[in-house]
Amino acid sequence: PTFHGHIAVGSGLSYEVALSWTPTTYPIQFTEQGLPNGTVWTVTVNGTAHTSNLSGITVPEVNGSYPYSFGPVAGFISPSGGTLRIQGQARTVTAVFDPFNFTLTLIETGLPSGSSWWFNISGGPSQFSDRTGLQFGVPNGTYQYTATSVTPGYHPLNGSFTVRGSNLTLSLSFTAVRYTVEFVAVGLAPGASWSVDLNGTTSTTHGTTLTFSET
Protein backbone atom coordinates (compact mmCIF):
# COMPACT_ATOMS: atom_id res chain seq x y z
CA PRO A 1 0.00 0.00 0.00
CA THR A 2 1.02 3.63 -0.57
CA PHE A 3 0.35 6.41 1.93
CA HIS A 4 0.36 10.15 1.17
CA GLY A 5 0.97 13.05 3.55
CA HIS A 6 2.44 16.52 3.83
CA ILE A 7 5.57 17.79 5.54
CA ALA A 8 5.70 21.43 6.57
CA VAL A 9 8.96 23.22 5.83
CA GLY A 10 9.95 26.74 6.88
CA SER A 11 8.52 29.81 5.14
CA GLY A 12 5.09 28.19 4.98
CA LEU A 13 6.10 25.69 2.33
CA SER A 14 4.90 22.10 2.41
CA TYR A 15 5.76 19.02 0.37
CA GLU A 16 3.73 15.93 -0.36
CA VAL A 17 5.56 12.69 0.41
CA ALA A 18 4.43 9.20 -0.69
CA LEU A 19 5.48 6.28 1.51
CA SER A 20 5.17 2.65 0.40
CA TRP A 21 5.22 -0.43 2.62
CA THR A 22 5.80 -3.97 1.41
CA PRO A 23 3.97 -6.60 3.49
CA THR A 24 6.27 -9.07 5.22
CA THR A 25 5.93 -12.62 3.95
CA TYR A 26 6.73 -15.80 5.83
CA PRO A 27 7.65 -19.11 4.17
CA ILE A 28 5.41 -22.13 4.35
CA GLN A 29 7.64 -25.16 3.80
CA PHE A 30 5.82 -28.23 2.44
CA THR A 31 7.92 -31.42 2.56
CA GLU A 32 6.75 -34.69 1.02
CA GLN A 33 7.57 -38.16 2.27
CA GLY A 34 6.94 -41.50 0.59
CA LEU A 35 7.30 -40.61 -3.10
CA PRO A 36 10.12 -41.98 -5.29
CA ASN A 37 12.85 -39.48 -6.14
CA GLY A 38 11.87 -37.21 -9.00
CA THR A 39 8.11 -37.75 -8.66
CA VAL A 40 6.07 -34.65 -9.54
CA TRP A 41 3.62 -33.54 -6.85
CA THR A 42 1.44 -30.49 -6.29
CA VAL A 43 0.21 -28.46 -3.34
CA THR A 44 -2.48 -25.83 -3.81
CA VAL A 45 -2.39 -22.93 -1.33
CA ASN A 46 -5.26 -20.44 -1.26
CA GLY A 47 -6.25 -21.46 -4.80
CA THR A 48 -2.76 -21.29 -6.34
CA ALA A 49 -1.08 -24.54 -7.40
CA HIS A 50 2.63 -25.08 -6.76
CA THR A 51 4.33 -28.07 -8.41
CA SER A 52 7.76 -29.65 -7.96
CA ASN A 53 9.69 -32.87 -8.57
CA LEU A 54 11.81 -32.22 -5.47
CA SER A 55 10.94 -33.18 -1.91
CA GLY A 56 10.16 -29.60 -0.82
CA ILE A 57 7.95 -26.72 -1.95
CA THR A 58 8.22 -23.27 -0.33
CA VAL A 59 5.30 -20.84 -0.54
CA PRO A 60 5.70 -17.28 0.83
CA GLU A 61 2.57 -15.76 2.39
CA VAL A 62 1.69 -12.78 4.56
CA ASN A 63 -0.13 -13.09 7.88
CA GLY A 64 -3.50 -14.75 7.48
CA SER A 65 -5.27 -18.09 7.10
CA TYR A 66 -4.71 -20.22 4.01
CA PRO A 67 -6.45 -23.41 2.88
CA TYR A 68 -4.18 -25.98 1.26
CA SER A 69 -4.61 -29.34 -0.46
CA PHE A 70 -2.45 -31.92 -2.24
CA GLY A 71 -3.01 -33.09 -5.80
CA PRO A 72 -3.28 -36.75 -6.83
CA VAL A 73 -0.16 -38.82 -7.59
CA ALA A 74 -0.65 -42.06 -9.52
CA GLY A 75 -0.24 -45.12 -7.31
CA PHE A 76 -0.33 -43.16 -4.03
CA ILE A 77 -2.93 -41.93 -1.56
CA SER A 78 -2.62 -38.16 -1.24
CA PRO A 79 -2.54 -36.74 2.31
CA SER A 80 -5.40 -34.65 3.63
CA GLY A 81 -5.28 -30.89 3.31
CA GLY A 82 -6.31 -28.28 5.84
CA THR A 83 -6.05 -24.62 6.79
CA LEU A 84 -2.82 -23.00 7.90
CA ARG A 85 -2.58 -19.76 9.88
CA ILE A 86 0.43 -17.46 9.51
CA GLN A 87 1.14 -15.26 12.53
CA GLY A 88 4.51 -13.61 12.11
CA GLN A 89 6.60 -16.75 11.64
CA ALA A 90 7.42 -19.52 9.17
CA ARG A 91 5.39 -22.74 9.12
CA THR A 92 6.20 -26.29 8.05
CA VAL A 93 3.89 -29.03 6.78
CA THR A 94 4.91 -32.66 6.19
CA ALA A 95 2.93 -34.44 3.47
CA VAL A 96 3.08 -38.25 3.72
CA PHE A 97 2.07 -40.08 0.53
CA ASP A 98 1.15 -43.71 1.20
CA PRO A 99 1.36 -46.20 -1.68
CA PHE A 100 -2.01 -47.37 -2.96
CA ASN A 101 -2.44 -51.12 -2.69
CA PHE A 102 -3.88 -53.10 -5.58
CA THR A 103 -5.43 -56.54 -5.07
CA LEU A 104 -3.20 -59.51 -5.86
CA THR A 105 -5.25 -62.69 -6.32
CA LEU A 106 -3.44 -66.02 -6.15
CA ILE A 107 -5.00 -69.17 -7.62
CA GLU A 108 -3.36 -72.45 -6.55
CA THR A 109 -3.63 -75.68 -8.53
CA GLY A 110 -1.95 -79.06 -8.24
CA LEU A 111 -2.16 -79.66 -4.49
CA PRO A 112 -4.55 -82.13 -2.85
CA SER A 113 -7.81 -80.60 -1.64
CA GLY A 114 -7.42 -78.84 1.72
CA SER A 115 -3.63 -78.55 1.45
CA SER A 116 -1.88 -75.60 3.06
CA TRP A 117 0.73 -73.47 1.33
CA TRP A 118 2.86 -70.36 1.82
CA PHE A 119 3.44 -67.41 -0.49
CA ASN A 120 6.33 -65.04 0.18
CA ILE A 121 7.29 -61.80 -1.59
CA SER A 122 11.00 -61.03 -1.41
CA GLY A 123 11.54 -58.56 1.40
CA GLY A 124 7.91 -58.80 2.53
CA PRO A 125 5.81 -60.89 4.91
CA SER A 126 4.73 -64.45 4.14
CA GLN A 127 1.08 -65.16 3.37
CA PHE A 128 -0.55 -68.45 4.42
CA SER A 129 -3.55 -70.22 2.91
CA ASP A 130 -5.31 -73.56 3.27
CA ARG A 131 -7.57 -72.87 0.29
CA THR A 132 -7.04 -72.66 -3.45
CA GLY A 133 -7.32 -68.86 -3.43
CA LEU A 134 -5.59 -66.01 -1.58
CA GLN A 135 -5.92 -62.21 -1.85
CA PHE A 136 -3.95 -59.32 -0.35
CA GLY A 137 -2.89 -55.77 -1.22
CA VAL A 138 0.33 -54.89 -3.06
CA PRO A 139 1.53 -51.44 -4.27
CA ASN A 140 2.95 -50.76 -7.72
CA GLY A 141 6.27 -52.47 -8.38
CA THR A 142 8.05 -55.61 -9.55
CA TYR A 143 8.36 -58.43 -7.03
CA GLN A 144 10.17 -61.75 -6.71
CA TYR A 145 8.20 -64.51 -5.01
CA THR A 146 8.40 -68.08 -3.73
CA ALA A 147 5.51 -70.45 -3.03
CA THR A 148 5.89 -73.62 -0.99
CA SER A 149 3.54 -76.43 -0.04
CA VAL A 150 3.13 -77.54 3.57
CA THR A 151 2.26 -80.98 2.20
CA PRO A 152 5.57 -82.71 1.41
CA GLY A 153 6.38 -84.05 -2.02
CA TYR A 154 5.72 -80.92 -4.14
CA HIS A 155 8.21 -78.68 -5.90
CA PRO A 156 8.47 -75.09 -4.59
CA LEU A 157 7.62 -72.32 -7.06
CA ASN A 158 9.70 -69.25 -7.87
CA GLY A 159 8.98 -66.32 -10.15
CA SER A 160 8.23 -62.62 -10.44
CA PHE A 161 5.27 -60.37 -11.16
CA THR A 162 4.67 -56.66 -11.78
CA VAL A 163 1.81 -54.48 -10.52
CA ARG A 164 1.13 -51.52 -12.82
CA GLY A 165 -1.79 -49.51 -11.53
CA SER A 166 -4.39 -52.30 -11.53
CA ASN A 167 -5.37 -55.52 -9.78
CA LEU A 168 -3.52 -58.69 -10.78
CA THR A 169 -4.29 -62.44 -10.79
CA LEU A 170 -1.42 -64.91 -10.53
CA SER A 171 -1.72 -68.67 -11.12
CA LEU A 172 0.43 -71.03 -9.04
CA SER A 173 0.68 -74.57 -10.43
CA PHE A 174 2.34 -77.01 -8.04
CA THR A 175 3.77 -80.25 -9.41
CA ALA A 176 4.56 -83.38 -7.44
CA VAL A 177 8.14 -84.49 -6.95
CA ARG A 178 8.77 -87.73 -8.85
CA TYR A 179 11.12 -90.41 -7.59
CA THR A 180 12.85 -93.16 -9.54
CA VAL A 181 12.17 -96.74 -8.42
CA GLU A 182 14.50 -99.31 -9.98
CA PHE A 183 14.10 -103.09 -9.89
CA VAL A 184 17.12 -105.29 -10.70
CA ALA A 185 16.74 -108.96 -11.65
CA VAL A 186 19.36 -111.39 -10.38
CA GLY A 187 19.67 -115.07 -11.30
CA LEU A 188 17.60 -115.13 -14.51
CA ALA A 189 18.94 -116.61 -17.71
CA PRO A 190 20.14 -113.99 -20.20
CA GLY A 191 17.20 -112.64 -22.25
CA ALA A 192 14.56 -114.08 -19.95
CA SER A 193 11.35 -112.09 -19.73
CA TRP A 194 10.17 -110.78 -16.35
CA SER A 195 7.61 -108.27 -15.12
CA VAL A 196 6.89 -105.97 -12.21
CA ASP A 197 3.49 -104.59 -11.22
CA LEU A 198 3.83 -101.36 -9.22
CA ASN A 199 0.77 -99.48 -8.06
CA GLY A 200 -1.35 -100.96 -10.85
CA THR A 201 1.19 -100.40 -13.62
CA THR A 202 2.84 -103.49 -15.14
CA SER A 203 6.14 -103.31 -16.99
CA THR A 204 7.96 -106.19 -18.72
CA THR A 205 11.55 -106.45 -19.86
CA HIS A 206 14.13 -108.94 -21.19
CA GLY A 207 16.93 -106.95 -19.58
CA THR A 208 18.20 -106.87 -16.04
CA THR A 209 16.44 -103.69 -14.76
CA LEU A 210 12.99 -102.11 -14.72
CA THR A 211 12.57 -98.43 -13.81
CA PHE A 212 9.43 -96.61 -12.62
CA SER A 213 8.84 -92.92 -11.94
CA GLU A 214 6.52 -92.39 -8.98
CA THR A 215 5.31 -89.53 -6.79
C-alpha atoms as a PDB file:
ATOM      1  CA  PRO A   1       0.000   0.000   0.000  1.00  0.00           C
ATOM      2  CA  THR A   2       1.023   3.628  -0.572  1.00  0.00           C
ATOM      3  CA  PHE A   3       0.347   6.409   1.932  1.00  0.00           C
ATOM      4  CA  HIS A   4       0.355  10.150   1.173  1.00  0.00           C
ATOM      5  CA  GLY A   5       0.969  13.045   3.552  1.00  0.00           C
ATOM      6  CA  HIS A   6       2.445  16.524   3.834  1.00  0.00           C
ATOM      7  CA  ILE A   7       5.573  17.793   5.536  1.00  0.00           C
ATOM      8  CA  ALA A   8       5.701  21.434   6.568  1.00  0.00           C
ATOM      9  CA  VAL A   9       8.955  23.221   5.834  1.00  0.00           C
ATOM     10  CA  GLY A  10       9.955  26.735   6.877  1.00  0.00           C
ATOM     11  CA  SER A  11       8.523  29.806   5.142  1.00  0.00           C
ATOM     12  CA  GLY A  12       5.093  28.192   4.982  1.00  0.00           C
ATOM     13  CA  LEU A  13       6.100  25.694   2.328  1.00  0.00           C
ATOM     14  CA  SER A  14       4.897  22.100   2.406  1.00  0.00           C
ATOM     15  CA  TYR A  15       5.761  19.019   0.371  1.00  0.00           C
ATOM     16  CA  GLU A  16       3.734  15.927  -0.363  1.00  0.00           C
ATOM     17  CA  VAL A  17       5.564  12.686   0.411  1.00  0.00           C
ATOM     18  CA  ALA A  18       4.435   9.203  -0.692  1.00  0.00           C
ATOM     19  CA  LEU A  19       5.478   6.280   1.509  1.00  0.00           C
ATOM     20  CA  SER A  20       5.165   2.653   0.396  1.00  0.00           C
ATOM     21  CA  TRP A  21       5.224  -0.429   2.623  1.00  0.00           C
ATOM     22  CA  THR A  22       5.795  -3.967   1.409  1.00  0.00           C
ATOM     23  CA  PRO A  23       3.966  -6.598   3.488  1.00  0.00           C
ATOM     24  CA  THR A  24       6.270  -9.070   5.219  1.00  0.00           C
ATOM     25  CA  THR A  25       5.930 -12.617   3.949  1.00  0.00           C
ATOM     26  CA  TYR A  26       6.734 -15.795   5.834  1.00  0.00           C
ATOM     27  CA  PRO A  27       7.653 -19.107   4.169  1.00  0.00           C
ATOM     28  CA  ILE A  28       5.405 -22.129   4.350  1.00  0.00           C
ATOM     29  CA  GLN A  29       7.640 -25.160   3.800  1.00  0.00           C
ATOM     30  CA  PHE A  30       5.819 -28.227   2.442  1.00  0.00           C
ATOM     31  CA  THR A  31       7.919 -31.419   2.563  1.00  0.00           C
ATOM     32  CA  GLU A  32       6.754 -34.688   1.023  1.00  0.00           C
ATOM     33  CA  GLN A  33       7.570 -38.161   2.273  1.00  0.00           C
ATOM     34  CA  GLY A  34       6.941 -41.502   0.585  1.00  0.00           C
ATOM     35  CA  LEU A  35       7.299 -40.609  -3.103  1.00  0.00           C
ATOM     36  CA  PRO A  36      10.116 -41.984  -5.294  1.00  0.00           C
ATOM     37  CA  ASN A  37      12.850 -39.482  -6.136  1.00  0.00           C
ATOM     38  CA  GLY A  38      11.872 -37.208  -9.004  1.00  0.00           C
ATOM     39  CA  THR A  39       8.110 -37.748  -8.664  1.00  0.00           C
ATOM     40  CA  VAL A  40       6.067 -34.653  -9.543  1.00  0.00           C
ATOM     41  CA  TRP A  41       3.622 -33.542  -6.847  1.00  0.00           C
ATOM     42  CA  THR A  42       1.440 -30.490  -6.285  1.00  0.00           C
ATOM     43  CA  VAL A  43       0.210 -28.460  -3.336  1.00  0.00           C
ATOM     44  CA  THR A  44      -2.484 -25.827  -3.809  1.00  0.00           C
ATOM     45  CA  VAL A  45      -2.393 -22.934  -1.333  1.00  0.00           C
ATOM     46  CA  ASN A  46      -5.256 -20.440  -1.263  1.00  0.00           C
ATOM     47  CA  GLY A  47      -6.253 -21.462  -4.802  1.00  0.00           C
ATOM     48  CA  THR A  48      -2.764 -21.293  -6.339  1.00  0.00           C
ATOM     49  CA  ALA A  49      -1.082 -24.541  -7.401  1.00  0.00           C
ATOM     50  CA  HIS A  50       2.633 -25.085  -6.762  1.00  0.00           C
ATOM     51  CA  THR A  51       4.334 -28.075  -8.407  1.00  0.00           C
ATOM     52  CA  SER A  52       7.764 -29.651  -7.958  1.00  0.00           C
ATOM     53  CA  ASN A  53       9.694 -32.867  -8.571  1.00  0.00           C
ATOM     54  CA  LEU A  54      11.806 -32.222  -5.473  1.00  0.00           C
ATOM     55  CA  SER A  55      10.940 -33.181  -1.909  1.00  0.00           C
ATOM     56  CA  GLY A  56      10.165 -29.604  -0.818  1.00  0.00           C
ATOM     57  CA  ILE A  57       7.949 -26.722  -1.952  1.00  0.00           C
ATOM     58  CA  THR A  58       8.219 -23.271  -0.326  1.00  0.00           C
ATOM     59  CA  VAL A  59       5.298 -20.841  -0.545  1.00  0.00           C
ATOM     60  CA  PRO A  60       5.700 -17.281   0.833  1.00  0.00           C
ATOM     61  CA  GLU A  61       2.566 -15.764   2.390  1.00  0.00           C
ATOM     62  CA  VAL A  62       1.686 -12.776   4.563  1.00  0.00           C
ATOM     63  CA  ASN A  63      -0.130 -13.089   7.877  1.00  0.00           C
ATOM     64  CA  GLY A  64      -3.505 -14.746   7.481  1.00  0.00           C
ATOM     65  CA  SER A  65      -5.274 -18.091   7.104  1.00  0.00           C
ATOM     66  CA  TYR A  66      -4.710 -20.223   4.012  1.00  0.00           C
ATOM     67  CA  PRO A  67      -6.451 -23.407   2.881  1.00  0.00           C
ATOM     68  CA  TYR A  68      -4.181 -25.978   1.262  1.00  0.00           C
ATOM     69  CA  SER A  69      -4.610 -29.343  -0.458  1.00  0.00           C
ATOM     70  CA  PHE A  70      -2.455 -31.916  -2.241  1.00  0.00           C
ATOM     71  CA  GLY A  71      -3.008 -33.093  -5.801  1.00  0.00           C
ATOM     72  CA  PRO A  72      -3.275 -36.753  -6.833  1.00  0.00           C
ATOM     73  CA  VAL A  73      -0.162 -38.823  -7.589  1.00  0.00           C
ATOM     74  CA  ALA A  74      -0.646 -42.064  -9.521  1.00  0.00           C
ATOM     75  CA  GLY A  75      -0.244 -45.117  -7.306  1.00  0.00           C
ATOM     76  CA  PHE A  76      -0.330 -43.161  -4.035  1.00  0.00           C
ATOM     77  CA  ILE A  77      -2.926 -41.932  -1.555  1.00  0.00           C
ATOM     78  CA  SER A  78      -2.621 -38.158  -1.236  1.00  0.00           C
ATOM     79  CA  PRO A  79      -2.543 -36.744   2.311  1.00  0.00           C
ATOM     80  CA  SER A  80      -5.404 -34.654   3.628  1.00  0.00           C
ATOM     81  CA  GLY A  81      -5.279 -30.891   3.308  1.00  0.00           C
ATOM     82  CA  GLY A  82      -6.310 -28.281   5.836  1.00  0.00           C
ATOM     83  CA  THR A  83      -6.052 -24.624   6.786  1.00  0.00           C
ATOM     84  CA  LEU A  84      -2.819 -22.995   7.899  1.00  0.00           C
ATOM     85  CA  ARG A  85      -2.583 -19.761   9.878  1.00  0.00           C
ATOM     86  CA  ILE A  86       0.429 -17.457   9.507  1.00  0.00           C
ATOM     87  CA  GLN A  87       1.139 -15.259  12.529  1.00  0.00           C
ATOM     88  CA  GLY A  88       4.505 -13.610  12.105  1.00  0.00           C
ATOM     89  CA  GLN A  89       6.597 -16.746  11.642  1.00  0.00           C
ATOM     90  CA  ALA A  90       7.417 -19.516   9.171  1.00  0.00           C
ATOM     91  CA  ARG A  91       5.389 -22.737   9.120  1.00  0.00           C
ATOM     92  CA  THR A  92       6.197 -26.287   8.048  1.00  0.00           C
ATOM     93  CA  VAL A  93       3.886 -29.032   6.777  1.00  0.00           C
ATOM     94  CA  THR A  94       4.914 -32.658   6.186  1.00  0.00           C
ATOM     95  CA  ALA A  95       2.928 -34.441   3.474  1.00  0.00           C
ATOM     96  CA  VAL A  96       3.081 -38.248   3.724  1.00  0.00           C
ATOM     97  CA  PHE A  97       2.070 -40.077   0.533  1.00  0.00           C
ATOM     98  CA  ASP A  98       1.152 -43.709   1.203  1.00  0.00           C
ATOM     99  CA  PRO A  99       1.356 -46.197  -1.679  1.00  0.00           C
ATOM    100  CA  PHE A 100      -2.010 -47.371  -2.957  1.00  0.00           C
ATOM    101  CA  ASN A 101      -2.440 -51.122  -2.688  1.00  0.00           C
ATOM    102  CA  PHE A 102      -3.882 -53.101  -5.579  1.00  0.00           C
ATOM    103  CA  THR A 103      -5.428 -56.539  -5.067  1.00  0.00           C
ATOM    104  CA  LEU A 104      -3.199 -59.506  -5.858  1.00  0.00           C
ATOM    105  CA  THR A 105      -5.253 -62.686  -6.323  1.00  0.00           C
ATOM    106  CA  LEU A 106      -3.436 -66.022  -6.150  1.00  0.00           C
ATOM    107  CA  ILE A 107      -4.997 -69.172  -7.620  1.00  0.00           C
ATOM    108  CA  GLU A 108      -3.361 -72.447  -6.555  1.00  0.00           C
ATOM    109  CA  THR A 109      -3.628 -75.684  -8.529  1.00  0.00           C
ATOM    110  CA  GLY A 110      -1.946 -79.064  -8.245  1.00  0.00           C
ATOM    111  CA  LEU A 111      -2.156 -79.656  -4.486  1.00  0.00           C
ATOM    112  CA  PRO A 112      -4.554 -82.128  -2.846  1.00  0.00           C
ATOM    113  CA  SER A 113      -7.815 -80.600  -1.638  1.00  0.00           C
ATOM    114  CA  GLY A 114      -7.418 -78.842   1.716  1.00  0.00           C
ATOM    115  CA  SER A 115      -3.633 -78.554   1.446  1.00  0.00           C
ATOM    116  CA  SER A 116      -1.878 -75.596   3.060  1.00  0.00           C
ATOM    117  CA  TRP A 117       0.734 -73.466   1.333  1.00  0.00           C
ATOM    118  CA  TRP A 118       2.858 -70.357   1.822  1.00  0.00           C
ATOM    119  CA  PHE A 119       3.443 -67.407  -0.493  1.00  0.00           C
ATOM    120  CA  ASN A 120       6.329 -65.036   0.178  1.00  0.00           C
ATOM    121  CA  ILE A 121       7.286 -61.800  -1.588  1.00  0.00           C
ATOM    122  CA  SER A 122      11.001 -61.035  -1.412  1.00  0.00           C
ATOM    123  CA  GLY A 123      11.537 -58.563   1.397  1.00  0.00           C
ATOM    124  CA  GLY A 124       7.909 -58.802   2.534  1.00  0.00           C
ATOM    125  CA  PRO A 125       5.810 -60.887   4.915  1.00  0.00           C
ATOM    126  CA  SER A 126       4.726 -64.448   4.141  1.00  0.00           C
ATOM    127  CA  GLN A 127       1.078 -65.164   3.369  1.00  0.00           C
ATOM    128  CA  PHE A 128      -0.550 -68.449   4.418  1.00  0.00           C
ATOM    129  CA  SER A 129      -3.552 -70.220   2.910  1.00  0.00           C
ATOM    130  CA  ASP A 130      -5.311 -73.558   3.272  1.00  0.00           C
ATOM    131  CA  ARG A 131      -7.574 -72.872   0.294  1.00  0.00           C
ATOM    132  CA  THR A 132      -7.040 -72.664  -3.447  1.00  0.00           C
ATOM    133  CA  GLY A 133      -7.318 -68.856  -3.433  1.00  0.00           C
ATOM    134  CA  LEU A 134      -5.594 -66.013  -1.583  1.00  0.00           C
ATOM    135  CA  GLN A 135      -5.918 -62.210  -1.848  1.00  0.00           C
ATOM    136  CA  PHE A 136      -3.947 -59.317  -0.351  1.00  0.00           C
ATOM    137  CA  GLY A 137      -2.885 -55.767  -1.217  1.00  0.00           C
ATOM    138  CA  VAL A 138       0.330 -54.885  -3.064  1.00  0.00           C
ATOM    139  CA  PRO A 139       1.529 -51.441  -4.268  1.00  0.00           C
ATOM    140  CA  ASN A 140       2.948 -50.762  -7.724  1.00  0.00           C
ATOM    141  CA  GLY A 141       6.269 -52.465  -8.375  1.00  0.00           C
ATOM    142  CA  THR A 142       8.046 -55.606  -9.545  1.00  0.00           C
ATOM    143  CA  TYR A 143       8.360 -58.434  -7.030  1.00  0.00           C
ATOM    144  CA  GLN A 144      10.173 -61.751  -6.713  1.00  0.00           C
ATOM    145  CA  TYR A 145       8.198 -64.507  -5.011  1.00  0.00           C
ATOM    146  CA  THR A 146       8.397 -68.077  -3.732  1.00  0.00           C
ATOM    147  CA  ALA A 147       5.506 -70.450  -3.034  1.00  0.00           C
ATOM    148  CA  THR A 148       5.889 -73.623  -0.985  1.00  0.00           C
ATOM    149  CA  SER A 149       3.543 -76.430  -0.039  1.00  0.00           C
ATOM    150  CA  VAL A 150       3.135 -77.536   3.566  1.00  0.00           C
ATOM    151  CA  THR A 151       2.258 -80.975   2.204  1.00  0.00           C
ATOM    152  CA  PRO A 152       5.569 -82.711   1.411  1.00  0.00           C
ATOM    153  CA  GLY A 153       6.375 -84.046  -2.022  1.00  0.00           C
ATOM    154  CA  TYR A 154       5.722 -80.920  -4.139  1.00  0.00           C
ATOM    155  CA  HIS A 155       8.215 -78.682  -5.899  1.00  0.00           C
ATOM    156  CA  PRO A 156       8.468 -75.087  -4.590  1.00  0.00           C
ATOM    157  CA  LEU A 157       7.623 -72.321  -7.065  1.00  0.00           C
ATOM    158  CA  ASN A 158       9.704 -69.249  -7.875  1.00  0.00           C
ATOM    159  CA  GLY A 159       8.980 -66.315 -10.145  1.00  0.00           C
ATOM    160  CA  SER A 160       8.233 -62.616 -10.445  1.00  0.00           C
ATOM    161  CA  PHE A 161       5.265 -60.366 -11.158  1.00  0.00           C
ATOM    162  CA  THR A 162       4.670 -56.661 -11.782  1.00  0.00           C
ATOM    163  CA  VAL A 163       1.807 -54.485 -10.516  1.00  0.00           C
ATOM    164  CA  ARG A 164       1.132 -51.518 -12.823  1.00  0.00           C
ATOM    165  CA  GLY A 165      -1.792 -49.506 -11.529  1.00  0.00           C
ATOM    166  CA  SER A 166      -4.385 -52.296 -11.526  1.00  0.00           C
ATOM    167  CA  ASN A 167      -5.366 -55.522  -9.781  1.00  0.00           C
ATOM    168  CA  LEU A 168      -3.520 -58.691 -10.784  1.00  0.00           C
ATOM    169  CA  THR A 169      -4.292 -62.436 -10.787  1.00  0.00           C
ATOM    170  CA  LEU A 170      -1.416 -64.909 -10.534  1.00  0.00           C
ATOM    171  CA  SER A 171      -1.719 -68.671 -11.115  1.00  0.00           C
ATOM    172  CA  LEU A 172       0.425 -71.033  -9.038  1.00  0.00           C
ATOM    173  CA  SER A 173       0.684 -74.575 -10.434  1.00  0.00           C
ATOM    174  CA  PHE A 174       2.344 -77.007  -8.042  1.00  0.00           C
ATOM    175  CA  THR A 175       3.768 -80.249  -9.411  1.00  0.00           C
ATOM    176  CA  ALA A 176       4.558 -83.381  -7.441  1.00  0.00           C
ATOM    177  CA  VAL A 177       8.139 -84.491  -6.952  1.00  0.00           C
ATOM    178  CA  ARG A 178       8.766 -87.731  -8.852  1.00  0.00           C
ATOM    179  CA  TYR A 179      11.120 -90.413  -7.586  1.00  0.00           C
ATOM    180  CA  THR A 180      12.848 -93.163  -9.544  1.00  0.00           C
ATOM    181  CA  VAL A 181      12.175 -96.744  -8.420  1.00  0.00           C
ATOM    182  CA  GLU A 182      14.501 -99.311  -9.985  1.00  0.00           C
ATOM    183  CA  PHE A 183      14.103-103.091  -9.891  1.00  0.00           C
ATOM    184  CA  VAL A 184      17.122-105.290 -10.696  1.00  0.00           C
ATOM    185  CA  ALA A 185      16.735-108.958 -11.646  1.00  0.00           C
ATOM    186  CA  VAL A 186      19.358-111.388 -10.382  1.00  0.00           C
ATOM    187  CA  GLY A 187      19.671-115.074 -11.302  1.00  0.00           C
ATOM    188  CA  LEU A 188      17.596-115.125 -14.506  1.00  0.00           C
ATOM    189  CA  ALA A 189      18.936-116.614 -17.714  1.00  0.00           C
ATOM    190  CA  PRO A 190      20.140-113.993 -20.203  1.00  0.00           C
ATOM    191  CA  GLY A 191      17.202-112.641 -22.255  1.00  0.00           C
ATOM    192  CA  ALA A 192      14.564-114.081 -19.948  1.00  0.00           C
ATOM    193  CA  SER A 193      11.347-112.088 -19.727  1.00  0.00           C
ATOM    194  CA  TRP A 194      10.169-110.783 -16.352  1.00  0.00           C
ATOM    195  CA  SER A 195       7.607-108.265 -15.121  1.00  0.00           C
ATOM    196  CA  VAL A 196       6.887-105.970 -12.207  1.00  0.00           C
ATOM    197  CA  ASP A 197       3.491-104.590 -11.218  1.00  0.00           C
ATOM    198  CA  LEU A 198       3.832-101.355  -9.220  1.00  0.00           C
ATOM    199  CA  ASN A 199       0.768 -99.483  -8.060  1.00  0.00           C
ATOM    200  CA  GLY A 200      -1.352-100.958 -10.847  1.00  0.00           C
ATOM    201  CA  THR A 201       1.185-100.396 -13.623  1.00  0.00           C
ATOM    202  CA  THR A 202       2.841-103.485 -15.136  1.00  0.00           C
ATOM    203  CA  SER A 203       6.143-103.309 -16.986  1.00  0.00           C
ATOM    204  CA  THR A 204       7.960-106.186 -18.720  1.00  0.00           C
ATOM    205  CA  THR A 205      11.554-106.453 -19.864  1.00  0.00           C
ATOM    206  CA  HIS A 206      14.131-108.940 -21.189  1.00  0.00           C
ATOM    207  CA  GLY A 207      16.926-106.954 -19.582  1.00  0.00           C
ATOM    208  CA  THR A 208      18.198-106.872 -16.036  1.00  0.00           C
ATOM    209  CA  THR A 209      16.441-103.689 -14.757  1.00  0.00           C
ATOM    210  CA  LEU A 210      12.990-102.111 -14.716  1.00  0.00           C
ATOM    211  CA  THR A 211      12.569 -98.433 -13.811  1.00  0.00           C
ATOM    212  CA  PHE A 212       9.435 -96.609 -12.624  1.00  0.00           C
ATOM    213  CA  SER A 213       8.837 -92.916 -11.942  1.00  0.00           C
ATOM    214  CA  GLU A 214       6.518 -92.394  -8.983  1.00  0.00           C
ATOM    215  CA  THR A 215       5.307 -89.533  -6.791  1.00  0.00           C
END
